[in-house]
Amino acid sequence: FLRYVDAHKLDGTTFYRAARAKSD
């Protein structure tokens, strides 16, 4: 994870999935 952070590879990416529990 830190390798991606330090290489700035997460910059400009997204949170693309919201998996909500059916019960709550």
mmCIF file of all heavy atoms, coordinates in Angstrom:
data_MODEL
# 
_entry.id   MODEL 
# 
loop_
_atom_site.group_PDB 
_atom_site.id 
_atom_site.type_symbol 
_atom_site.label_atom_id 
_atom_site.label_alt_id 
_atom_site.label_comp_id 
_atom_site.label_asym_id 
_atom_site.label_entity_id 
_atom_site.label_seq_id 
_atom_site.pdbx_PDB_ins_code 
_atom_site.Cartn_x 
_atom_site.Cartn_y 
_atom_site.Cartn_z 
_atom_site.occupancy 
_atom_site.B_iso_or_equiv 
_atom_site.pdbx_formal_charge 
_atom_site.auth_seq_id 
_atom_site.auth_comp_id 
_atom_site.auth_asym_id 
_atom_site.auth_atom_id 
_atom_site.pdbx_PDB_model_num 
ATOM 1   N N   . PHE A 1 1  ? 0.841   -1.205 0.000   1.00 0.00 ? 1  PHE A N   1 
ATOM 2   C CA  . PHE A 1 1  ? 0.000   0.000  0.000   1.00 0.00 ? 1  PHE A CA  1 
ATOM 3   C C   . PHE A 1 1  ? 0.875   1.254  0.000   1.00 0.00 ? 1  PHE A C   1 
ATOM 4   O O   . PHE A 1 1  ? 0.630   2.196  -0.767  1.00 0.00 ? 1  PHE A O   1 
ATOM 5   C CB  . PHE A 1 1  ? -0.919  -0.016 1.214   1.00 0.00 ? 1  PHE A CB  1 
ATOM 6   C CG  . PHE A 1 1  ? -1.887  1.132  1.263   1.00 0.00 ? 1  PHE A CG  1 
ATOM 7   C CD1 . PHE A 1 1  ? -3.006  1.152  0.443   1.00 0.00 ? 1  PHE A CD1 1 
ATOM 8   C CD2 . PHE A 1 1  ? -1.688  2.184  2.139   1.00 0.00 ? 1  PHE A CD2 1 
ATOM 9   C CE1 . PHE A 1 1  ? -3.907  2.208  0.492   1.00 0.00 ? 1  PHE A CE1 1 
ATOM 10  C CE2 . PHE A 1 1  ? -2.582  3.248  2.201   1.00 0.00 ? 1  PHE A CE2 1 
ATOM 11  C CZ  . PHE A 1 1  ? -3.695  3.256  1.373   1.00 0.00 ? 1  PHE A CZ  1 
ATOM 12  N N   . LEU A 1 2  ? 1.912   1.260  0.828   1.00 0.00 ? 2  LEU A N   1 
ATOM 13  C CA  . LEU A 1 2  ? 2.799   2.426  0.895   1.00 0.00 ? 2  LEU A CA  1 
ATOM 14  C C   . LEU A 1 2  ? 3.565   2.626  -0.413  1.00 0.00 ? 2  LEU A C   1 
ATOM 15  O O   . LEU A 1 2  ? 3.890   3.759  -0.776  1.00 0.00 ? 2  LEU A O   1 
ATOM 16  C CB  . LEU A 1 2  ? 3.763   2.291  2.070   1.00 0.00 ? 2  LEU A CB  1 
ATOM 17  C CG  . LEU A 1 2  ? 3.138   2.442  3.452   1.00 0.00 ? 2  LEU A CG  1 
ATOM 18  C CD1 . LEU A 1 2  ? 4.163   2.143  4.546   1.00 0.00 ? 2  LEU A CD1 1 
ATOM 19  C CD2 . LEU A 1 2  ? 2.543   3.845  3.641   1.00 0.00 ? 2  LEU A CD2 1 
ATOM 20  N N   . ARG A 1 3  ? 3.827   1.555  -1.124  1.00 0.00 ? 3  ARG A N   1 
ATOM 21  C CA  . ARG A 1 3  ? 4.495   1.687  -2.418  1.00 0.00 ? 3  ARG A CA  1 
ATOM 22  C C   . ARG A 1 3  ? 3.612   2.473  -3.395  1.00 0.00 ? 3  ARG A C   1 
ATOM 23  O O   . ARG A 1 3  ? 4.098   3.342  -4.126  1.00 0.00 ? 3  ARG A O   1 
ATOM 24  C CB  . ARG A 1 3  ? 4.811   0.298  -2.979  1.00 0.00 ? 3  ARG A CB  1 
ATOM 25  C CG  . ARG A 1 3  ? 5.680   0.322  -4.228  1.00 0.00 ? 3  ARG A CG  1 
ATOM 26  C CD  . ARG A 1 3  ? 5.980   -1.075 -4.719  1.00 0.00 ? 3  ARG A CD  1 
ATOM 27  N NE  . ARG A 1 3  ? 6.887   -1.046 -5.856  1.00 0.00 ? 3  ARG A NE  1 
ATOM 28  C CZ  . ARG A 1 3  ? 7.146   -2.076 -6.644  1.00 0.00 ? 3  ARG A CZ  1 
ATOM 29  N NH1 . ARG A 1 3  ? 6.570   -3.252 -6.396  1.00 0.00 ? 3  ARG A NH1 1 
ATOM 30  N NH2 . ARG A 1 3  ? 7.970   -1.968 -7.656  1.00 0.00 ? 3  ARG A NH2 1 
ATOM 31  N N   . TYR A 1 4  ? 2.324   2.173  -3.400  1.00 0.00 ? 4  TYR A N   1 
ATOM 32  C CA  . TYR A 1 4  ? 1.397   2.923  -4.254  1.00 0.00 ? 4  TYR A CA  1 
ATOM 33  C C   . TYR A 1 4  ? 1.293   4.374  -3.798  1.00 0.00 ? 4  TYR A C   1 
ATOM 34  O O   . TYR A 1 4  ? 1.239   5.295  -4.618  1.00 0.00 ? 4  TYR A O   1 
ATOM 35  C CB  . TYR A 1 4  ? 0.017   2.257  -4.257  1.00 0.00 ? 4  TYR A CB  1 
ATOM 36  C CG  . TYR A 1 4  ? -0.065  1.048  -5.147  1.00 0.00 ? 4  TYR A CG  1 
ATOM 37  C CD1 . TYR A 1 4  ? 0.253   -0.220 -4.666  1.00 0.00 ? 4  TYR A CD1 1 
ATOM 38  C CD2 . TYR A 1 4  ? -0.438  1.163  -6.481  1.00 0.00 ? 4  TYR A CD2 1 
ATOM 39  C CE1 . TYR A 1 4  ? 0.204   -1.340 -5.487  1.00 0.00 ? 4  TYR A CE1 1 
ATOM 40  C CE2 . TYR A 1 4  ? -0.503  0.047  -7.311  1.00 0.00 ? 4  TYR A CE2 1 
ATOM 41  C CZ  . TYR A 1 4  ? -0.174  -1.197 -6.810  1.00 0.00 ? 4  TYR A CZ  1 
ATOM 42  O OH  . TYR A 1 4  ? -0.222  -2.297 -7.635  1.00 0.00 ? 4  TYR A OH  1 
ATOM 43  N N   . VAL A 1 5  ? 1.261   4.575  -2.487  1.00 0.00 ? 5  VAL A N   1 
ATOM 44  C CA  . VAL A 1 5  ? 1.186   5.935  -1.943  1.00 0.00 ? 5  VAL A CA  1 
ATOM 45  C C   . VAL A 1 5  ? 2.431   6.738  -2.338  1.00 0.00 ? 5  VAL A C   1 
ATOM 46  O O   . VAL A 1 5  ? 2.320   7.855  -2.863  1.00 0.00 ? 5  VAL A O   1 
ATOM 47  C CB  . VAL A 1 5  ? 1.033   5.901  -0.407  1.00 0.00 ? 5  VAL A CB  1 
ATOM 48  C CG1 . VAL A 1 5  ? 1.241   7.286  0.210   1.00 0.00 ? 5  VAL A CG1 1 
ATOM 49  C CG2 . VAL A 1 5  ? -0.336  5.347  -0.027  1.00 0.00 ? 5  VAL A CG2 1 
ATOM 50  N N   . ASP A 1 6  ? 3.603   6.173  -2.088  1.00 0.00 ? 6  ASP A N   1 
ATOM 51  C CA  . ASP A 1 6  ? 4.851   6.896  -2.335  1.00 0.00 ? 6  ASP A CA  1 
ATOM 52  C C   . ASP A 1 6  ? 5.093   7.157  -3.819  1.00 0.00 ? 6  ASP A C   1 
ATOM 53  O O   . ASP A 1 6  ? 5.757   8.135  -4.186  1.00 0.00 ? 6  ASP A O   1 
ATOM 54  C CB  . ASP A 1 6  ? 6.033   6.127  -1.736  1.00 0.00 ? 6  ASP A CB  1 
ATOM 55  C CG  . ASP A 1 6  ? 5.981   6.080  -0.215  1.00 0.00 ? 6  ASP A CG  1 
ATOM 56  O OD1 . ASP A 1 6  ? 5.271   6.912  0.387   1.00 0.00 ? 6  ASP A OD1 1 
ATOM 57  O OD2 . ASP A 1 6  ? 6.645   5.198  0.381   1.00 0.00 ? 6  ASP A OD2 1 
ATOM 58  N N   . ALA A 1 7  ? 4.557   6.299  -4.681  1.00 0.00 ? 7  ALA A N   1 
ATOM 59  C CA  . ALA A 1 7  ? 4.685   6.498  -6.130  1.00 0.00 ? 7  ALA A CA  1 
ATOM 60  C C   . ALA A 1 7  ? 3.568   7.387  -6.689  1.00 0.00 ? 7  ALA A C   1 
ATOM 61  O O   . ALA A 1 7  ? 3.512   7.632  -7.889  1.00 0.00 ? 7  ALA A O   1 
ATOM 62  C CB  . ALA A 1 7  ? 4.680   5.152  -6.845  1.00 0.00 ? 7  ALA A CB  1 
ATOM 63  N N   . HIS A 1 8  ? 2.686   7.862  -5.799  1.00 0.00 ? 8  HIS A N   1 
ATOM 64  C CA  . HIS A 1 8  ? 1.552   8.731  -6.166  1.00 0.00 ? 8  HIS A CA  1 
ATOM 65  C C   . HIS A 1 8  ? 0.599   8.045  -7.148  1.00 0.00 ? 8  HIS A C   1 
ATOM 66  O O   . HIS A 1 8  ? -0.113  8.722  -7.887  1.00 0.00 ? 8  HIS A O   1 
ATOM 67  C CB  . HIS A 1 8  ? 2.043   10.066 -6.741  1.00 0.00 ? 8  HIS A CB  1 
ATOM 68  C CG  . HIS A 1 8  ? 2.866   10.857 -5.777  1.00 0.00 ? 8  HIS A CG  1 
ATOM 69  N ND1 . HIS A 1 8  ? 3.422   12.071 -6.105  1.00 0.00 ? 8  HIS A ND1 1 
ATOM 70  C CD2 . HIS A 1 8  ? 3.250   10.618 -4.501  1.00 0.00 ? 8  HIS A CD2 1 
ATOM 71  C CE1 . HIS A 1 8  ? 4.111   12.548 -5.076  1.00 0.00 ? 8  HIS A CE1 1 
ATOM 72  N NE2 . HIS A 1 8  ? 4.012   11.666 -4.082  1.00 0.00 ? 8  HIS A NE2 1 
ATOM 73  N N   . LYS A 1 9  ? 0.577   6.721  -7.113  1.00 0.00 ? 9  LYS A N   1 
ATOM 74  C CA  . LYS A 1 9  ? -0.295  5.990  -8.027  1.00 0.00 ? 9  LYS A CA  1 
ATOM 75  C C   . LYS A 1 9  ? -1.763  6.002  -7.604  1.00 0.00 ? 9  LYS A C   1 
ATOM 76  O O   . LYS A 1 9  ? -2.640  5.632  -8.393  1.00 0.00 ? 9  LYS A O   1 
ATOM 77  C CB  . LYS A 1 9  ? 0.195   4.545  -8.193  1.00 0.00 ? 9  LYS A CB  1 
ATOM 78  C CG  . LYS A 1 9  ? 1.446   4.436  -9.065  1.00 0.00 ? 9  LYS A CG  1 
ATOM 79  C CD  . LYS A 1 9  ? 1.825   2.996  -9.295  1.00 0.00 ? 9  LYS A CD  1 
ATOM 80  C CE  . LYS A 1 9  ? 3.003   2.870  -10.253 1.00 0.00 ? 9  LYS A CE  1 
ATOM 81  N NZ  . LYS A 1 9  ? 2.617   3.112  -11.643 1.00 0.00 ? 9  LYS A NZ  1 
ATOM 82  N N   . LEU A 1 10 ? -2.037  6.410  -6.367  1.00 0.00 ? 10 LEU A N   1 
ATOM 83  C CA  . LEU A 1 10 ? -3.435  6.519  -5.932  1.00 0.00 ? 10 LEU A CA  1 
ATOM 84  C C   . LEU A 1 10 ? -4.013  7.905  -6.208  1.00 0.00 ? 10 LEU A C   1 
ATOM 85  O O   . LEU A 1 10 ? -5.233  8.083  -6.143  1.00 0.00 ? 10 LEU A O   1 
ATOM 86  C CB  . LEU A 1 10 ? -3.558  6.177  -4.446  1.00 0.00 ? 10 LEU A CB  1 
ATOM 87  C CG  . LEU A 1 10 ? -3.189  4.746  -4.062  1.00 0.00 ? 10 LEU A CG  1 
ATOM 88  C CD1 . LEU A 1 10 ? -3.337  4.535  -2.558  1.00 0.00 ? 10 LEU A CD1 1 
ATOM 89  C CD2 . LEU A 1 10 ? -4.042  3.725  -4.827  1.00 0.00 ? 10 LEU A CD2 1 
ATOM 90  N N   . ASP A 1 11 ? -3.138  8.863  -6.524  1.00 0.00 ? 11 ASP A N   1 
ATOM 91  C CA  . ASP A 1 11 ? -3.620  10.213 -6.826  1.00 0.00 ? 11 ASP A CA  1 
ATOM 92  C C   . ASP A 1 11 ? -4.488  10.185 -8.084  1.00 0.00 ? 11 ASP A C   1 
ATOM 93  O O   . ASP A 1 11 ? -4.079  9.647  -9.125  1.00 0.00 ? 11 ASP A O   1 
ATOM 94  C CB  . ASP A 1 11 ? -2.449  11.169 -7.050  1.00 0.00 ? 11 ASP A CB  1 
ATOM 95  C CG  . ASP A 1 11 ? -1.600  11.378 -5.804  1.00 0.00 ? 11 ASP A CG  1 
ATOM 96  O OD1 . ASP A 1 11 ? -1.857  10.697 -4.791  1.00 0.00 ? 11 ASP A OD1 1 
ATOM 97  O OD2 . ASP A 1 11 ? -0.691  12.228 -5.856  1.00 0.00 ? 11 ASP A OD2 1 
ATOM 98  N N   . GLY A 1 12 ? -5.678  10.746 -7.983  1.00 0.00 ? 12 GLY A N   1 
ATOM 99  C CA  . GLY A 1 12 ? -6.566  10.802 -9.133  1.00 0.00 ? 12 GLY A CA  1 
ATOM 100 C C   . GLY A 1 12 ? -7.394  9.553  -9.344  1.00 0.00 ? 12 GLY A C   1 
ATOM 101 O O   . GLY A 1 12 ? -8.199  9.487  -10.276 1.00 0.00 ? 12 GLY A O   1 
ATOM 102 N N   . THR A 1 13 ? -7.203  8.527  -8.504  1.00 0.00 ? 13 THR A N   1 
ATOM 103 C CA  . THR A 1 13 ? -8.061  7.353  -8.580  1.00 0.00 ? 13 THR A CA  1 
ATOM 104 C C   . THR A 1 13 ? -9.357  7.661  -7.822  1.00 0.00 ? 13 THR A C   1 
ATOM 105 O O   . THR A 1 13 ? -9.603  8.804  -7.434  1.00 0.00 ? 13 THR A O   1 
ATOM 106 C CB  . THR A 1 13 ? -7.357  6.103  -8.003  1.00 0.00 ? 13 THR A CB  1 
ATOM 107 O OG1 . THR A 1 13 ? -7.063  6.329  -6.612  1.00 0.00 ? 13 THR A OG1 1 
ATOM 108 C CG2 . THR A 1 13 ? -6.067  5.809  -8.758  1.00 0.00 ? 13 THR A CG2 1 
ATOM 109 N N   . THR A 1 14 ? -10.181 6.666  -7.611  1.00 0.00 ? 14 THR A N   1 
ATOM 110 C CA  . THR A 1 14 ? -11.490 6.934  -7.005  1.00 0.00 ? 14 THR A CA  1 
ATOM 111 C C   . THR A 1 14 ? -11.898 5.850  -6.015  1.00 0.00 ? 14 THR A C   1 
ATOM 112 O O   . THR A 1 14 ? -11.370 4.736  -6.031  1.00 0.00 ? 14 THR A O   1 
ATOM 113 C CB  . THR A 1 14 ? -12.602 7.007  -8.080  1.00 0.00 ? 14 THR A CB  1 
ATOM 114 O OG1 . THR A 1 14 ? -12.705 5.726  -8.736  1.00 0.00 ? 14 THR A OG1 1 
ATOM 115 C CG2 . THR A 1 14 ? -12.325 8.104  -9.102  1.00 0.00 ? 14 THR A CG2 1 
ATOM 116 N N   . PHE A 1 15 ? -12.860 6.202  -5.177  1.00 0.00 ? 15 PHE A N   1 
ATOM 117 C CA  . PHE A 1 15 ? -13.698 5.215  -4.502  1.00 0.00 ? 15 PHE A CA  1 
ATOM 118 C C   . PHE A 1 15 ? -14.838 4.962  -5.477  1.00 0.00 ? 15 PHE A C   1 
ATOM 119 O O   . PHE A 1 15 ? -15.604 5.880  -5.796  1.00 0.00 ? 15 PHE A O   1 
ATOM 120 C CB  . PHE A 1 15 ? -14.226 5.733  -3.169  1.00 0.00 ? 15 PHE A CB  1 
ATOM 121 C CG  . PHE A 1 15 ? -13.234 5.612  -2.044  1.00 0.00 ? 15 PHE A CG  1 
ATOM 122 C CD1 . PHE A 1 15 ? -12.528 6.724  -1.615  1.00 0.00 ? 15 PHE A CD1 1 
ATOM 123 C CD2 . PHE A 1 15 ? -13.014 4.389  -1.432  1.00 0.00 ? 15 PHE A CD2 1 
ATOM 124 C CE1 . PHE A 1 15 ? -11.610 6.614  -0.582  1.00 0.00 ? 15 PHE A CE1 1 
ATOM 125 C CE2 . PHE A 1 15 ? -12.090 4.279  -0.389  1.00 0.00 ? 15 PHE A CE2 1 
ATOM 126 C CZ  . PHE A 1 15 ? -11.393 5.386  0.031   1.00 0.00 ? 15 PHE A CZ  1 
ATOM 127 N N   . TYR A 1 16 ? -14.940 3.747  -5.969  1.00 0.00 ? 16 TYR A N   1 
ATOM 128 C CA  . TYR A 1 16 ? -15.876 3.434  -7.048  1.00 0.00 ? 16 TYR A CA  1 
ATOM 129 C C   . TYR A 1 16 ? -16.952 2.426  -6.655  1.00 0.00 ? 16 TYR A C   1 
ATOM 130 O O   . TYR A 1 16 ? -17.874 2.178  -7.424  1.00 0.00 ? 16 TYR A O   1 
ATOM 131 C CB  . TYR A 1 16 ? -15.113 2.910  -8.271  1.00 0.00 ? 16 TYR A CB  1 
ATOM 132 C CG  . TYR A 1 16 ? -14.171 1.770  -7.973  1.00 0.00 ? 16 TYR A CG  1 
ATOM 133 C CD1 . TYR A 1 16 ? -14.615 0.450  -7.918  1.00 0.00 ? 16 TYR A CD1 1 
ATOM 134 C CD2 . TYR A 1 16 ? -12.811 2.008  -7.737  1.00 0.00 ? 16 TYR A CD2 1 
ATOM 135 C CE1 . TYR A 1 16 ? -13.751 -0.592 -7.642  1.00 0.00 ? 16 TYR A CE1 1 
ATOM 136 C CE2 . TYR A 1 16 ? -11.938 0.963  -7.460  1.00 0.00 ? 16 TYR A CE2 1 
ATOM 137 C CZ  . TYR A 1 16 ? -12.411 -0.322 -7.413  1.00 0.00 ? 16 TYR A CZ  1 
ATOM 138 O OH  . TYR A 1 16 ? -11.556 -1.361 -7.126  1.00 0.00 ? 16 TYR A OH  1 
ATOM 139 N N   . ARG A 1 17 ? -16.831 1.857  -5.473  1.00 0.00 ? 17 ARG A N   1 
ATOM 140 C CA  . ARG A 1 17 ? -17.777 0.814  -5.066  1.00 0.00 ? 17 ARG A CA  1 
ATOM 141 C C   . ARG A 1 17 ? -18.287 1.071  -3.662  1.00 0.00 ? 17 ARG A C   1 
ATOM 142 O O   . ARG A 1 17 ? -17.504 1.344  -2.747  1.00 0.00 ? 17 ARG A O   1 
ATOM 143 C CB  . ARG A 1 17 ? -17.094 -0.550 -5.124  1.00 0.00 ? 17 ARG A CB  1 
ATOM 144 C CG  . ARG A 1 17 ? -17.985 -1.727 -4.756  1.00 0.00 ? 17 ARG A CG  1 
ATOM 145 C CD  . ARG A 1 17 ? -17.179 -3.013 -4.768  1.00 0.00 ? 17 ARG A CD  1 
ATOM 146 N NE  . ARG A 1 17 ? -17.981 -4.152 -4.344  1.00 0.00 ? 17 ARG A NE  1 
ATOM 147 C CZ  . ARG A 1 17 ? -17.487 -5.265 -3.813  1.00 0.00 ? 17 ARG A CZ  1 
ATOM 148 N NH1 . ARG A 1 17 ? -16.166 -5.384 -3.662  1.00 0.00 ? 17 ARG A NH1 1 
ATOM 149 N NH2 . ARG A 1 17 ? -18.288 -6.237 -3.448  1.00 0.00 ? 17 ARG A NH2 1 
ATOM 150 N N   . ALA A 1 18 ? -19.601 0.986  -3.482  1.00 0.00 ? 18 ALA A N   1 
ATOM 151 C CA  . ALA A 1 18 ? -20.235 1.079  -2.170  1.00 0.00 ? 18 ALA A CA  1 
ATOM 152 C C   . ALA A 1 18 ? -21.099 -0.169 -1.997  1.00 0.00 ? 18 ALA A C   1 
ATOM 153 O O   . ALA A 1 18 ? -22.169 -0.277 -2.598  1.00 0.00 ? 18 ALA A O   1 
ATOM 154 C CB  . ALA A 1 18 ? -21.086 2.338  -2.064  1.00 0.00 ? 18 ALA A CB  1 
ATOM 155 N N   . ALA A 1 19 ? -20.612 -1.118 -1.221  1.00 0.00 ? 19 ALA A N   1 
ATOM 156 C CA  . ALA A 1 19 ? -21.306 -2.382 -1.001  1.00 0.00 ? 19 ALA A CA  1 
ATOM 157 C C   . ALA A 1 19 ? -22.037 -2.305 0.334   1.00 0.00 ? 19 ALA A C   1 
ATOM 158 O O   . ALA A 1 19 ? -21.417 -2.416 1.393   1.00 0.00 ? 19 ALA A O   1 
ATOM 159 C CB  . ALA A 1 19 ? -20.310 -3.535 -1.010  1.00 0.00 ? 19 ALA A CB  1 
ATOM 160 N N   . ARG A 1 20 ? -23.330 -2.065 0.275   1.00 0.00 ? 20 ARG A N   1 
ATOM 161 C CA  . ARG A 1 20 ? -24.136 -1.915 1.491   1.00 0.00 ? 20 ARG A CA  1 
ATOM 162 C C   . ARG A 1 20 ? -24.758 -3.256 1.889   1.00 0.00 ? 20 ARG A C   1 
ATOM 163 O O   . ARG A 1 20 ? -25.229 -4.018 1.037   1.00 0.00 ? 20 ARG A O   1 
ATOM 164 C CB  . ARG A 1 20 ? -25.225 -0.865 1.267   1.00 0.00 ? 20 ARG A CB  1 
ATOM 165 C CG  . ARG A 1 20 ? -24.674 0.533  1.055   1.00 0.00 ? 20 ARG A CG  1 
ATOM 166 C CD  . ARG A 1 20 ? -25.774 1.548  0.838   1.00 0.00 ? 20 ARG A CD  1 
ATOM 167 N NE  . ARG A 1 20 ? -26.268 1.547  -0.524  1.00 0.00 ? 20 ARG A NE  1 
ATOM 168 C CZ  . ARG A 1 20 ? -25.765 2.295  -1.519  1.00 0.00 ? 20 ARG A CZ  1 
ATOM 169 N NH1 . ARG A 1 20 ? -24.748 3.108  -1.289  1.00 0.00 ? 20 ARG A NH1 1 
ATOM 170 N NH2 . ARG A 1 20 ? -26.287 2.234  -2.718  1.00 0.00 ? 20 ARG A NH2 1 
ATOM 171 N N   . ALA A 1 21 ? -24.778 -3.518 3.180   1.00 0.00 ? 21 ALA A N   1 
ATOM 172 C CA  . ALA A 1 21 ? -25.398 -4.750 3.677   1.00 0.00 ? 21 ALA A CA  1 
ATOM 173 C C   . ALA A 1 21 ? -26.906 -4.684 3.458   1.00 0.00 ? 21 ALA A C   1 
ATOM 174 O O   . ALA A 1 21 ? -27.530 -3.642 3.704   1.00 0.00 ? 21 ALA A O   1 
ATOM 175 C CB  . ALA A 1 21 ? -25.085 -4.930 5.157   1.00 0.00 ? 21 ALA A CB  1 
ATOM 176 N N   . LYS A 1 22 ? -27.478 -5.768 2.990   1.00 0.00 ? 22 LYS A N   1 
ATOM 177 C CA  . LYS A 1 22 ? -28.924 -5.788 2.748   1.00 0.00 ? 22 LYS A CA  1 
ATOM 178 C C   . LYS A 1 22 ? -29.698 -5.617 4.046   1.00 0.00 ? 22 LYS A C   1 
ATOM 179 O O   . LYS A 1 22 ? -30.757 -4.993 4.073   1.00 0.00 ? 22 LYS A O   1 
ATOM 180 C CB  . LYS A 1 22 ? -29.313 -7.098 2.066   1.00 0.00 ? 22 LYS A CB  1 
ATOM 181 C CG  . LYS A 1 22 ? -28.781 -7.209 0.643   1.00 0.00 ? 22 LYS A CG  1 
ATOM 182 C CD  . LYS A 1 22 ? -29.188 -8.521 0.004   1.00 0.00 ? 22 LYS A CD  1 
ATOM 183 C CE  . LYS A 1 22 ? -28.647 -8.625 -1.411  1.00 0.00 ? 22 LYS A CE  1 
ATOM 184 N NZ  . LYS A 1 22 ? -29.003 -9.925 -2.050  1.00 0.00 ? 22 LYS A NZ  1 
ATOM 185 N N   . SER A 1 23 ? -29.161 -6.156 5.129   1.00 0.00 ? 23 SER A N   1 
ATOM 186 C CA  . SER A 1 23 ? -29.860 -6.081 6.416   1.00 0.00 ? 23 SER A CA  1 
ATOM 187 C C   . SER A 1 23 ? -29.750 -4.703 7.066   1.00 0.00 ? 23 SER A C   1 
ATOM 188 O O   . SER A 1 23 ? -30.586 -4.327 7.882   1.00 0.00 ? 23 SER A O   1 
ATOM 189 C CB  . SER A 1 23 ? -29.305 -7.138 7.375   1.00 0.00 ? 23 SER A CB  1 
ATOM 190 O OG  . SER A 1 23 ? -27.909 -6.931 7.578   1.00 0.00 ? 23 SER A OG  1 
ATOM 191 N N   . ASP A 1 24 ? -28.706 -3.956 6.704   1.00 0.00 ? 24 ASP A N   1 
ATOM 192 C CA  . ASP A 1 24 ? -28.485 -2.635 7.286   1.00 0.00 ? 24 ASP A CA  1 
ATOM 193 C C   . ASP A 1 24 ? -27.655 -1.810 6.299   1.00 0.00 ? 24 ASP A C   1 
ATOM 194 O O   . ASP A 1 24 ? -26.436 -1.942 6.257   1.00 0.00 ? 24 ASP A O   1 
ATOM 195 C CB  . ASP A 1 24 ? -27.749 -2.756 8.625   1.00 0.00 ? 24 ASP A CB  1 
ATOM 196 C CG  . ASP A 1 24 ? -27.523 -1.399 9.297   1.00 0.00 ? 24 ASP A CG  1 
ATOM 197 O OD1 . ASP A 1 24 ? -27.930 -0.365 8.710   1.00 0.00 ? 24 ASP A OD1 1 
ATOM 198 O OD2 . ASP A 1 24 ? -26.939 -1.376 10.398  1.00 0.00 ? 24 ASP A OD2 1 
# 
